[in-house]
Amino acid sequence: KDDKPLNTPIEEEFRVGVIGLAYNAETKNIQVDMQAVSDSQESEPDFIDVDDLSGDQDILRVHISPSEASRFAKRASTVVGAGRLPCPFCGGPIDSRGHLCPRANGYRR
C-alpha cells in the first residue's frame, strides 16, 4: 500500500492548466498529457495538440498501465483529501507560499 508521506518540500516544475487522457487499445496503456498554465493573457484553449510541440509550452506526457492508474488515483485521492489549510478570510486553500486573498485586497496570507 502506498501510504508513505510525500517528500517535502514539494516544489512544482510547472502548474498544470490543461489535462488530456487517452487509452491505447493496442498497448493497453493510458496516456496522460498535462500542459502548463499559460503565462499569456490569452484564455486557455479548449483543445491542445500535444503532438505539435513546436511552441515553448511545458507538457508532461506519461504512459501508464490501468493498474498503475488505479494505484495513482487512490494515492491522489488520499493526498487531495488531506487538503490544505483554508484562509480564515476567504476560505481559499493556502499553499506553502501563501495566497493572494481577495478579501484582504490581494495581500499575501
PDB file of N, CA and C in Angstrom:
ATOM      1  N   LYS A   1       0.852  -1.184   0.000  1.00  0.00           N
ATOM      2  CA  LYS A   1       0.000   0.000   0.000  1.00  0.00           C
ATOM      3  C   LYS A   1       0.889   1.235   0.000  1.00  0.00           C
ATOM      4  N   ASP A   2       0.555   2.195  -0.851  1.00  0.00           N
ATOM      5  CA  ASP A   2       1.337   3.424  -0.980  1.00  0.00           C
ATOM      6  C   ASP A   2       0.765   4.483  -0.047  1.00  0.00           C
ATOM      7  N   ASP A   3       1.229   4.481   1.211  1.00  0.00           N
ATOM      8  CA  ASP A   3       0.725   5.475   2.152  1.00  0.00           C
ATOM      9  C   ASP A   3       1.844   6.196   2.892  1.00  0.00           C
ATOM     10  N   LYS A   4       3.053   6.125   2.342  1.00  0.00           N
ATOM     11  CA  LYS A   4       4.172   6.829   2.962  1.00  0.00           C
ATOM     12  C   LYS A   4       4.015   8.329   2.728  1.00  0.00           C
ATOM     13  N   PRO A   5       4.513   9.153   3.658  1.00  0.00           N
ATOM     14  CA  PRO A   5       4.434  10.606   3.456  1.00  0.00           C
ATOM     15  C   PRO A   5       5.204  11.029   2.208  1.00  0.00           C
ATOM     16  N   LEU A   6       4.737  12.098   1.575  1.00  0.00           N
ATOM     17  CA  LEU A   6       5.431  12.654   0.420  1.00  0.00           C
ATOM     18  C   LEU A   6       6.697  13.355   0.887  1.00  0.00           C
ATOM     19  N   ASN A   7       7.727  13.327   0.041  1.00  0.00           N
ATOM     20  CA  ASN A   7       8.945  14.061   0.356  1.00  0.00           C
ATOM     21  C   ASN A   7       8.646  15.550   0.287  1.00  0.00           C
ATOM     22  N   THR A   8       9.063  16.266   1.293  1.00  0.00           N
ATOM     23  CA  THR A   8       8.836  17.709   1.307  1.00  0.00           C
ATOM     24  C   THR A   8      10.155  18.439   1.429  1.00  0.00           C
ATOM     25  N   PRO A   9      10.279  19.653   1.015  1.00  0.00           N
ATOM     26  CA  PRO A   9       9.199  20.443   0.433  1.00  0.00           C
ATOM     27  C   PRO A   9       8.924  20.004  -1.000  1.00  0.00           C
ATOM     28  N   ILE A  10       7.691  20.161  -1.412  1.00  0.00           N
ATOM     29  CA  ILE A  10       7.287  19.829  -2.778  1.00  0.00           C
ATOM     30  C   ILE A  10       7.415  21.093  -3.611  1.00  0.00           C
ATOM     31  N   GLU A  11       8.259  21.039  -4.621  1.00  0.00           N
ATOM     32  CA  GLU A  11       8.472  22.198  -5.483  1.00  0.00           C
ATOM     33  C   GLU A  11       7.985  21.859  -6.882  1.00  0.00           C
ATOM     34  N   GLU A  12       7.061  22.651  -7.369  1.00  0.00           N
ATOM     35  CA  GLU A  12       6.471  22.390  -8.679  1.00  0.00           C
ATOM     36  C   GLU A  12       7.431  22.754  -9.798  1.00  0.00           C
ATOM     37  N   GLU A  13       7.405  21.961 -10.852  1.00  0.00           N
ATOM     38  CA  GLU A  13       8.136  22.283 -12.076  1.00  0.00           C
ATOM     39  C   GLU A  13       7.308  23.254 -12.905  1.00  0.00           C
ATOM     40  N   PHE A  14       5.988  23.032 -12.920  1.00  0.00           N
ATOM     41  CA  PHE A  14       5.044  23.938 -13.567  1.00  0.00           C
ATOM     42  C   PHE A  14       3.655  23.618 -13.042  1.00  0.00           C
ATOM     43  N   ARG A  15       2.738  24.563 -13.203  1.00  0.00           N
ATOM     44  CA  ARG A  15       1.346  24.348 -12.800  1.00  0.00           C
ATOM     45  C   ARG A  15       0.547  23.876 -14.005  1.00  0.00           C
ATOM     46  N   VAL A  16      -0.213  22.833 -13.810  1.00  0.00           N
ATOM     47  CA  VAL A  16      -0.982  22.229 -14.899  1.00  0.00           C
ATOM     48  C   VAL A  16      -2.239  23.047 -15.173  1.00  0.00           C
ATOM     49  N   GLY A  17      -2.461  23.333 -16.455  1.00  0.00           N
ATOM     50  CA  GLY A  17      -3.649  24.064 -16.871  1.00  0.00           C
ATOM     51  C   GLY A  17      -4.617  23.196 -17.649  1.00  0.00           C
ATOM     52  N   VAL A  18      -4.103  22.355 -18.548  1.00  0.00           N
ATOM     53  CA  VAL A  18      -4.943  21.502 -19.394  1.00  0.00           C
ATOM     54  C   VAL A  18      -4.473  20.061 -19.234  1.00  0.00           C
ATOM     55  N   ILE A  19      -5.420  19.143 -19.040  1.00  0.00           N
ATOM     56  CA  ILE A  19      -5.100  17.719 -18.904  1.00  0.00           C
ATOM     57  C   ILE A  19      -5.834  16.957 -20.000  1.00  0.00           C
ATOM     58  N   GLY A  20      -5.114  16.048 -20.656  1.00  0.00           N
ATOM     59  CA  GLY A  20      -5.719  15.196 -21.671  1.00  0.00           C
ATOM     60  C   GLY A  20      -5.497  13.735 -21.327  1.00  0.00           C
ATOM     61  N   LEU A  21      -6.502  12.900 -21.567  1.00  0.00           N
ATOM     62  CA  LEU A  21      -6.414  11.459 -21.314  1.00  0.00           C
ATOM     63  C   LEU A  21      -6.729  10.698 -22.591  1.00  0.00           C
ATOM     64  N   ALA A  22      -6.008   9.600 -22.812  1.00  0.00           N
ATOM     65  CA  ALA A  22      -6.276   8.744 -23.968  1.00  0.00           C
ATOM     66  C   ALA A  22      -5.974   7.303 -23.578  1.00  0.00           C
ATOM     67  N   TYR A  23      -6.677   6.376 -24.209  1.00  0.00           N
ATOM     68  CA  TYR A  23      -6.433   4.947 -23.987  1.00  0.00           C
ATOM     69  C   TYR A  23      -6.032   4.319 -25.306  1.00  0.00           C
ATOM     70  N   ASN A  24      -4.916   3.584 -25.300  1.00  0.00           N
ATOM     71  CA  ASN A  24      -4.438   2.892 -26.490  1.00  0.00           C
ATOM     72  C   ASN A  24      -4.819   1.421 -26.352  1.00  0.00           C
ATOM     73  N   ALA A  25      -5.786   0.967 -27.143  1.00  0.00           N
ATOM     74  CA  ALA A  25      -6.275  -0.411 -27.051  1.00  0.00           C
ATOM     75  C   ALA A  25      -5.213  -1.426 -27.461  1.00  0.00           C
ATOM     76  N   GLU A  26      -4.311  -1.044 -28.374  1.00  0.00           N
ATOM     77  CA  GLU A  26      -3.268  -1.974 -28.815  1.00  0.00           C
ATOM     78  C   GLU A  26      -2.270  -2.267 -27.703  1.00  0.00           C
ATOM     79  N   THR A  27      -1.796  -1.227 -27.025  1.00  0.00           N
ATOM     80  CA  THR A  27      -0.799  -1.417 -25.961  1.00  0.00           C
ATOM     81  C   THR A  27      -1.442  -1.577 -24.592  1.00  0.00           C
ATOM     82  N   LYS A  28      -2.756  -1.326 -24.519  1.00  0.00           N
ATOM     83  CA  LYS A  28      -3.499  -1.381 -23.256  1.00  0.00           C
ATOM     84  C   LYS A  28      -2.894  -0.434 -22.215  1.00  0.00           C
ATOM     85  N   ASN A  29      -2.472   0.730 -22.676  1.00  0.00           N
ATOM     86  CA  ASN A  29      -1.907   1.750 -21.796  1.00  0.00           C
ATOM     87  C   ASN A  29      -2.754   3.007 -21.828  1.00  0.00           C
ATOM     88  N   ILE A  30      -2.640   3.765 -20.762  1.00  0.00           N
ATOM     89  CA  ILE A  30      -3.309   5.054 -20.652  1.00  0.00           C
ATOM     90  C   ILE A  30      -2.258   6.137 -20.846  1.00  0.00           C
ATOM     91  N   GLN A  31      -2.589   7.119 -21.664  1.00  0.00           N
ATOM     92  CA  GLN A  31      -1.688   8.255 -21.889  1.00  0.00           C
ATOM     93  C   GLN A  31      -2.292   9.468 -21.192  1.00  0.00           C
ATOM     94  N   VAL A  32      -1.493  10.120 -20.359  1.00  0.00           N
ATOM     95  CA  VAL A  32      -1.919  11.334 -19.662  1.00  0.00           C
ATOM     96  C   VAL A  32      -1.010  12.465 -20.120  1.00  0.00           C
ATOM     97  N   ASP A  33      -1.598  13.527 -20.668  1.00  0.00           N
ATOM     98  CA  ASP A  33      -0.852  14.710 -21.100  1.00  0.00           C
ATOM     99  C   ASP A  33      -1.257  15.873 -20.209  1.00  0.00           C
ATOM    100  N   MET A  34      -0.261  16.575 -19.672  1.00  0.00           N
ATOM    101  CA  MET A  34      -0.514  17.730 -18.820  1.00  0.00           C
ATOM    102  C   MET A  34       0.256  18.920 -19.363  1.00  0.00           C
ATOM    103  N   GLN A  35      -0.468  20.011 -19.650  1.00  0.00           N
ATOM    104  CA  GLN A  35       0.154  21.216 -20.193  1.00  0.00           C
ATOM    105  C   GLN A  35       0.152  22.295 -19.126  1.00  0.00           C
ATOM    106  N   ALA A  36       1.263  23.036 -19.060  1.00  0.00           N
ATOM    107  CA  ALA A  36       1.398  24.108 -18.080  1.00  0.00           C
ATOM    108  C   ALA A  36       0.393  25.217 -18.334  1.00  0.00           C
ATOM    109  N   VAL A  37       0.037  25.914 -17.261  1.00  0.00           N
ATOM    110  CA  VAL A  37      -0.788  27.112 -17.365  1.00  0.00           C
ATOM    111  C   VAL A  37      -0.019  28.119 -18.196  1.00  0.00           C
ATOM    112  N   SER A  38      -0.709  28.767 -19.111  1.00  0.00           N
ATOM    113  CA  SER A  38      -0.080  29.750 -19.985  1.00  0.00           C
ATOM    114  C   SER A  38       0.227  31.024 -19.214  1.00  0.00           C
ATOM    115  N   ASP A  39       1.389  31.611 -19.480  1.00  0.00           N
ATOM    116  CA  ASP A  39       1.750  32.887 -18.867  1.00  0.00           C
ATOM    117  C   ASP A  39       1.102  34.058 -19.582  1.00  0.00           C
ATOM    118  N   SER A  40       0.588  33.812 -20.777  1.00  0.00           N
ATOM    119  CA  SER A  40      -0.006  34.900 -21.557  1.00  0.00           C
ATOM    120  C   SER A  40      -1.389  35.248 -21.011  1.00  0.00           C
ATOM    121  N   GLN A  41      -1.903  36.364 -21.432  1.00  0.00           N
ATOM    122  CA  GLN A  41      -3.229  36.814 -21.002  1.00  0.00           C
ATOM    123  C   GLN A  41      -4.343  36.138 -21.790  1.00  0.00           C
ATOM    124  N   GLU A  42      -3.975  35.355 -22.802  1.00  0.00           N
ATOM    125  CA  GLU A  42      -4.983  34.673 -23.604  1.00  0.00           C
ATOM    126  C   GLU A  42      -5.672  33.609 -22.764  1.00  0.00           C
ATOM    127  N   SER A  43      -6.922  33.301 -23.110  1.00  0.00           N
ATOM    128  CA  SER A  43      -7.626  32.254 -22.390  1.00  0.00           C
ATOM    129  C   SER A  43      -7.045  30.895 -22.773  1.00  0.00           C
ATOM    130  N   GLU A  44      -7.185  29.940 -21.868  1.00  0.00           N
ATOM    131  CA  GLU A  44      -6.692  28.592 -22.121  1.00  0.00           C
ATOM    132  C   GLU A  44      -7.486  27.982 -23.270  1.00  0.00           C
ATOM    133  N   PRO A  45      -6.835  27.217 -24.138  1.00  0.00           N
ATOM    134  CA  PRO A  45      -7.547  26.607 -25.264  1.00  0.00           C
ATOM    135  C   PRO A  45      -8.463  25.484 -24.802  1.00  0.00           C
ATOM    136  N   ASP A  46      -9.527  25.234 -25.575  1.00  0.00           N
ATOM    137  CA  ASP A  46     -10.413  24.110 -25.290  1.00  0.00           C
ATOM    138  C   ASP A  46      -9.767  22.798 -25.715  1.00  0.00           C
ATOM    139  N   PHE A  47      -8.835  22.881 -26.665  1.00  0.00           N
ATOM    140  CA  PHE A  47      -8.174  21.692 -27.201  1.00  0.00           C
ATOM    141  C   PHE A  47      -6.709  22.024 -27.430  1.00  0.00           C
ATOM    142  N   ILE A  48      -5.835  21.097 -27.067  1.00  0.00           N
ATOM    143  CA  ILE A  48      -4.417  21.283 -27.360  1.00  0.00           C
ATOM    144  C   ILE A  48      -3.942  20.116 -28.200  1.00  0.00           C
ATOM    145  N   ASP A  49      -3.095  20.409 -29.151  1.00  0.00           N
ATOM    146  CA  ASP A  49      -2.485  19.372 -29.978  1.00  0.00           C
ATOM    147  C   ASP A  49      -1.133  19.056 -29.354  1.00  0.00           C
ATOM    148  N   VAL A  50      -1.098  18.037 -28.478  1.00  0.00           N
ATOM    149  CA  VAL A  50       0.136  17.728 -27.762  1.00  0.00           C
ATOM    150  C   VAL A  50       1.185  17.099 -28.663  1.00  0.00           C
ATOM    151  N   ASP A  51       0.795  16.711 -29.879  1.00  0.00           N
ATOM    152  CA  ASP A  51       1.786  16.186 -30.814  1.00  0.00           C
ATOM    153  C   ASP A  51       2.515  17.314 -31.523  1.00  0.00           C
ATOM    154  N   ASP A  52       1.993  18.532 -31.431  1.00  0.00           N
ATOM    155  CA  ASP A  52       2.660  19.705 -32.001  1.00  0.00           C
ATOM    156  C   ASP A  52       3.410  20.407 -30.874  1.00  0.00           C
ATOM    157  N   LEU A  53       4.655  20.058 -30.706  1.00  0.00           N
ATOM    158  CA  LEU A  53       5.466  20.622 -29.630  1.00  0.00           C
ATOM    159  C   LEU A  53       6.394  21.704 -30.153  1.00  0.00           C
ATOM    160  N   SER A  54       5.946  22.441 -31.164  1.00  0.00           N
ATOM    161  CA  SER A  54       6.793  23.464 -31.769  1.00  0.00           C
ATOM    162  C   SER A  54       6.905  24.708 -30.904  1.00  0.00           C
ATOM    163  N   GLY A  55       5.959  24.918 -30.004  1.00  0.00           N
ATOM    164  CA  GLY A  55       5.998  26.097 -29.141  1.00  0.00           C
ATOM    165  C   GLY A  55       6.900  25.878 -27.941  1.00  0.00           C
ATOM    166  N   ASP A  56       6.839  26.814 -27.014  1.00  0.00           N
ATOM    167  CA  ASP A  56       7.683  26.710 -25.827  1.00  0.00           C
ATOM    168  C   ASP A  56       6.885  26.288 -24.594  1.00  0.00           C
ATOM    169  N   GLN A  57       5.714  25.683 -24.802  1.00  0.00           N
ATOM    170  CA  GLN A  57       4.892  25.260 -23.683  1.00  0.00           C
ATOM    171  C   GLN A  57       5.504  24.042 -22.990  1.00  0.00           C
ATOM    172  N   ASP A  58       5.284  23.958 -21.664  1.00  0.00           N
ATOM    173  CA  ASP A  58       5.721  22.790 -20.903  1.00  0.00           C
ATOM    174  C   ASP A  58       4.612  21.753 -20.957  1.00  0.00           C
ATOM    175  N   ILE A  59       4.952  20.538 -21.413  1.00  0.00           N
ATOM    176  CA  ILE A  59       3.988  19.440 -21.466  1.00  0.00           C
ATOM    177  C   ILE A  59       4.642  18.198 -20.876  1.00  0.00           C
ATOM    178  N   LEU A  60       3.917  17.543 -19.985  1.00  0.00           N
ATOM    179  CA  LEU A  60       4.360  16.276 -19.413  1.00  0.00           C
ATOM    180  C   LEU A  60       3.458  15.193 -19.976  1.00  0.00           C
ATOM    181  N   ARG A  61       4.065  14.153 -20.560  1.00  0.00           N
ATOM    182  CA  ARG A  61       3.308  13.024 -21.107  1.00  0.00           C
ATOM    183  C   ARG A  61       3.737  11.771 -20.358  1.00  0.00           C
ATOM    184  N   VAL A  62       2.749  11.029 -19.864  1.00  0.00           N
ATOM    185  CA  VAL A  62       3.005   9.816 -19.096  1.00  0.00           C
ATOM    186  C   VAL A  62       2.196   8.679 -19.705  1.00  0.00           C
ATOM    187  N   HIS A  63       2.826   7.514 -19.858  1.00  0.00           N
ATOM    188  CA  HIS A  63       2.145   6.297 -20.304  1.00  0.00           C
ATOM    189  C   HIS A  63       2.147   5.332 -19.122  1.00  0.00           C
ATOM    190  N   ILE A  64       0.955   4.910 -18.688  1.00  0.00           N
ATOM    191  CA  ILE A  64       0.851   4.012 -17.546  1.00  0.00           C
ATOM    192  C   ILE A  64      -0.162   2.913 -17.840  1.00  0.00           C
ATOM    193  N   SER A  65      -0.015   1.806 -17.118  1.00  0.00           N
ATOM    194  CA  SER A  65      -0.968   0.703 -17.260  1.00  0.00           C
ATOM    195  C   SER A  65      -2.230   1.031 -16.455  1.00  0.00           C
ATOM    196  N   PRO A  66      -3.332   0.351 -16.751  1.00  0.00           N
ATOM    197  CA  PRO A  66      -4.548   0.587 -15.962  1.00  0.00           C
ATOM    198  C   PRO A  66      -4.354   0.313 -14.468  1.00  0.00           C
ATOM    199  N   SER A  67      -3.561  -0.693 -14.108  1.00  0.00           N
ATOM    200  CA  SER A  67      -3.340  -0.961 -12.681  1.00  0.00           C
ATOM    201  C   SER A  67      -2.521   0.160 -12.035  1.00  0.00           C
ATOM    202  N   GLU A  68      -1.537   0.706 -12.761  1.00  0.00           N
ATOM    203  CA  GLU A  68      -0.776   1.849 -12.238  1.00  0.00           C
ATOM    204  C   GLU A  68      -1.683   3.070 -12.094  1.00  0.00           C
ATOM    205  N   ALA A  69      -2.582   3.256 -13.053  1.00  0.00           N
ATOM    206  CA  ALA A  69      -3.520   4.382 -12.986  1.00  0.00           C
ATOM    207  C   ALA A  69      -4.433   4.252 -11.773  1.00  0.00           C
ATOM    208  N   SER A  70      -4.865   3.042 -11.485  1.00  0.00           N
ATOM    209  CA  SER A  70      -5.722   2.806 -10.327  1.00  0.00           C
ATOM    210  C   SER A  70      -4.985   3.124  -9.029  1.00  0.00           C
ATOM    211  N   ARG A  71      -3.739   2.660  -8.917  1.00  0.00           N
ATOM    212  CA  ARG A  71      -2.941   2.955  -7.717  1.00  0.00           C
ATOM    213  C   ARG A  71      -2.692   4.458  -7.580  1.00  0.00           C
ATOM    214  N   PHE A  72      -2.398   5.117  -8.711  1.00  0.00           N
ATOM    215  CA  PHE A  72      -2.172   6.562  -8.683  1.00  0.00           C
ATOM    216  C   PHE A  72      -3.437   7.295  -8.237  1.00  0.00           C
ATOM    217  N   ALA A  73      -4.588   6.887  -8.765  1.00  0.00           N
ATOM    218  CA  ALA A  73      -5.848   7.552  -8.416  1.00  0.00           C
ATOM    219  C   ALA A  73      -6.148   7.415  -6.926  1.00  0.00           C
ATOM    220  N   LYS A  74      -5.891   6.243  -6.360  1.00  0.00           N
ATOM    221  CA  LYS A  74      -6.124   6.041  -4.926  1.00  0.00           C
ATOM    222  C   LYS A  74      -5.198   6.930  -4.103  1.00  0.00           C
ATOM    223  N   ARG A  75      -3.926   6.980  -4.488  1.00  0.00           N
ATOM    224  CA  ARG A  75      -2.962   7.820  -3.763  1.00  0.00           C
ATOM    225  C   ARG A  75      -3.329   9.300  -3.905  1.00  0.00           C
ATOM    226  N   ALA A  76      -3.668   9.724  -5.114  1.00  0.00           N
ATOM    227  CA  ALA A  76      -4.034  11.124  -5.343  1.00  0.00           C
ATOM    228  C   ALA A  76      -5.266  11.501  -4.525  1.00  0.00           C
ATOM    229  N   SER A  77      -6.229  10.607  -4.442  1.00  0.00           N
ATOM    230  CA  SER A  77      -7.431  10.871  -3.658  1.00  0.00           C
ATOM    231  C   SER A  77      -7.089  11.068  -2.183  1.00  0.00           C
ATOM    232  N   THR A  78      -6.158  10.267  -1.676  1.00  0.00           N
ATOM    233  CA  THR A  78      -5.725  10.404  -0.285  1.00  0.00           C
ATOM    234  C   THR A  78      -5.027  11.740  -0.057  1.00  0.00           C
ATOM    235  N   VAL A  79      -4.121  12.098  -0.968  1.00  0.00           N
ATOM    236  CA  VAL A  79      -3.376  13.355  -0.831  1.00  0.00           C
ATOM    237  C   VAL A  79      -4.320  14.550  -0.925  1.00  0.00           C
ATOM    238  N   VAL A  80      -5.203  14.546  -1.916  1.00  0.00           N
ATOM    239  CA  VAL A  80      -6.138  15.660  -2.087  1.00  0.00           C
ATOM    240  C   VAL A  80      -7.104  15.722  -0.905  1.00  0.00           C
ATOM    241  N   GLY A  81      -7.513  14.564  -0.412  1.00  0.00           N
ATOM    242  CA  GLY A  81      -8.427  14.519   0.725  1.00  0.00           C
ATOM    243  C   GLY A  81      -7.830  15.104   1.989  1.00  0.00           C
ATOM    244  N   ALA A  82      -6.496  15.070   2.092  1.00  0.00           N
ATOM    245  CA  ALA A  82      -5.834  15.650   3.260  1.00  0.00           C
ATOM    246  C   ALA A  82      -5.974  17.168   3.254  1.00  0.00           C
ATOM    247  N   GLY A  83      -6.078  17.745   2.067  1.00  0.00           N
ATOM    248  CA  GLY A  83      -6.350  19.171   1.921  1.00  0.00           C
ATOM    249  C   GLY A  83      -5.222  20.086   2.352  1.00  0.00           C
ATOM    250  N   ARG A  84      -5.483  21.366   2.190  1.00  0.00           N
ATOM    251  CA  ARG A  84      -4.594  22.430   2.654  1.00  0.00           C
ATOM    252  C   ARG A  84      -5.413  23.304   3.591  1.00  0.00           C
ATOM    253  N   LEU A  85      -4.731  24.001   4.475  1.00  0.00           N
ATOM    254  CA  LEU A  85      -5.435  24.862   5.408  1.00  0.00           C
ATOM    255  C   LEU A  85      -6.203  25.942   4.652  1.00  0.00           C
ATOM    256  N   PRO A  86      -7.443  26.194   5.061  1.00  0.00           N
ATOM    257  CA  PRO A  86      -8.200  27.258   4.401  1.00  0.00           C
ATOM    258  C   PRO A  86      -7.821  28.624   4.968  1.00  0.00           C
ATOM    259  N   CYS A  87      -7.906  29.630   4.128  1.00  0.00           N
ATOM    260  CA  CYS A  87      -7.679  31.011   4.550  1.00  0.00           C
ATOM    261  C   CYS A  87      -8.823  31.411   5.485  1.00  0.00           C
ATOM    262  N   PRO A  88      -8.517  32.008   6.637  1.00  0.00           N
ATOM    263  CA  PRO A  88      -9.592  32.391   7.558  1.00  0.00           C
ATOM    264  C   PRO A  88     -10.476  33.520   7.022  1.00  0.00           C
ATOM    265  N   PHE A  89     -10.014  34.229   5.994  1.00  0.00           N
ATOM    266  CA  PHE A  89     -10.789  35.343   5.453  1.00  0.00           C
ATOM    267  C   PHE A  89     -11.678  34.927   4.282  1.00  0.00           C
ATOM    268  N   CYS A  90     -11.091  34.213   3.297  1.00  0.00           N
ATOM    269  CA  CYS A  90     -11.853  33.905   2.080  1.00  0.00           C
ATOM    270  C   CYS A  90     -12.191  32.420   1.940  1.00  0.00           C
ATOM    271  N   GLY A  91     -11.548  31.564   2.728  1.00  0.00           N
ATOM    272  CA  GLY A  91     -11.817  30.136   2.653  1.00  0.00           C
ATOM    273  C   GLY A  91     -11.045  29.403   1.577  1.00  0.00           C
ATOM    274  N   GLY A  92     -10.287  30.136   0.749  1.00  0.00           N
ATOM    275  CA  GLY A  92      -9.472  29.509  -0.298  1.00  0.00           C
ATOM    276  C   GLY A  92      -8.287  28.766   0.304  1.00  0.00           C
ATOM    277  N   PRO A  93      -7.763  27.751  -0.401  1.00  0.00           N
ATOM    278  CA  PRO A  93      -6.628  26.995   0.132  1.00  0.00           C
ATOM    279  C   PRO A  93      -5.352  27.836   0.159  1.00  0.00           C
ATOM    280  N   ILE A  94      -4.564  27.645   1.205  1.00  0.00           N
ATOM    281  CA  ILE A  94      -3.293  28.347   1.345  1.00  0.00           C
ATOM    282  C   ILE A  94      -2.185  27.363   1.008  1.00  0.00           C
ATOM    283  N   ASP A  95      -1.371  27.681  -0.001  1.00  0.00           N
ATOM    284  CA  ASP A  95      -0.248  26.805  -0.326  1.00  0.00           C
ATOM    285  C   ASP A  95       0.985  27.262   0.450  1.00  0.00           C
ATOM    286  N   SER A  96       2.120  26.603   0.216  1.00  0.00           N
ATOM    287  CA  SER A  96       3.328  26.868   1.005  1.00  0.00           C
ATOM    288  C   SER A  96       3.835  28.295   0.856  1.00  0.00           C
ATOM    289  N   ARG A  97       3.486  28.973  -0.236  1.00  0.00           N
ATOM    290  CA  ARG A  97       3.911  30.359  -0.449  1.00  0.00           C
ATOM    291  C   ARG A  97       2.854  31.354  -0.003  1.00  0.00           C
ATOM    292  N   GLY A  98       1.797  30.892   0.639  1.00  0.00           N
ATOM    293  CA  GLY A  98       0.687  31.763   0.967  1.00  0.00           C
ATOM    294  C   GLY A  98      -0.228  31.883  -0.238  1.00  0.00           C
ATOM    295  N   HIS A  99      -1.148  32.830  -0.193  1.00  0.00           N
ATOM    296  CA  HIS A  99      -2.011  33.039  -1.356  1.00  0.00           C
ATOM    297  C   HIS A  99      -2.472  34.490  -1.373  1.00  0.00           C
ATOM    298  N   LEU A 100      -2.871  34.939  -2.542  1.00  0.00           N
ATOM    299  CA  LEU A 100      -3.380  36.303  -2.684  1.00  0.00           C
ATOM    300  C   LEU A 100      -4.855  36.288  -2.310  1.00  0.00           C
ATOM    301  N   CYS A 101      -5.154  36.843  -1.160  1.00  0.00           N
ATOM    302  CA  CYS A 101      -6.510  36.784  -0.624  1.00  0.00           C
ATOM    303  C   CYS A 101      -7.360  37.914  -1.196  1.00  0.00           C
ATOM    304  N   PRO A 102      -8.445  37.588  -1.907  1.00  0.00           N
ATOM    305  CA  PRO A 102      -9.290  38.645  -2.471  1.00  0.00           C
ATOM    306  C   PRO A 102      -9.996  39.472  -1.398  1.00  0.00           C
ATOM    307  N   ARG A 103     -10.264  38.883  -0.241  1.00  0.00           N
ATOM    308  CA  ARG A 103     -10.946  39.626   0.828  1.00  0.00           C
ATOM    309  C   ARG A 103      -9.988  40.526   1.587  1.00  0.00           C
ATOM    310  N   ALA A 104      -8.686  40.334   1.406  1.00  0.00           N
ATOM    311  CA  ALA A 104      -7.690  41.198   2.057  1.00  0.00           C
ATOM    312  C   ALA A 104      -7.033  42.096   1.017  1.00  0.00           C
ATOM    313  N   ASN A 105      -7.780  42.413  -0.046  1.00  0.00           N
ATOM    314  CA  ASN A 105      -7.289  43.286  -1.117  1.00  0.00           C
ATOM    315  C   ASN A 105      -5.991  42.793  -1.739  1.00  0.00           C
ATOM    316  N   GLY A 106      -5.851  41.484  -1.861  1.00  0.00           N
ATOM    317  CA  GLY A 106      -4.697  40.916  -2.554  1.00  0.00           C
ATOM    318  C   GLY A 106      -3.449  40.754  -1.721  1.00  0.00           C
ATOM    319  N   TYR A 107      -3.513  41.051  -0.430  1.00  0.00           N
ATOM    320  CA  TYR A 107      -2.333  40.854   0.411  1.00  0.00           C
ATOM    321  C   TYR A 107      -2.105  39.370   0.631  1.00  0.00           C
ATOM    322  N   ARG A 108      -0.828  38.991   0.691  1.00  0.00           N
ATOM    323  CA  ARG A 108      -0.494  37.577   0.931  1.00  0.00           C
ATOM    324  C   ARG A 108      -0.790  37.209   2.370  1.00  0.00           C
ATOM    325  N   ARG A 109      -1.329  36.024   2.546  1.00  0.00           N
ATOM    326  CA  ARG A 109      -1.601  35.470   3.884  1.00  0.00           C
ATOM    327  C   ARG A 109      -0.770  34.235   4.066  1.00  0.00           C
TER     328      ARG A 109
END
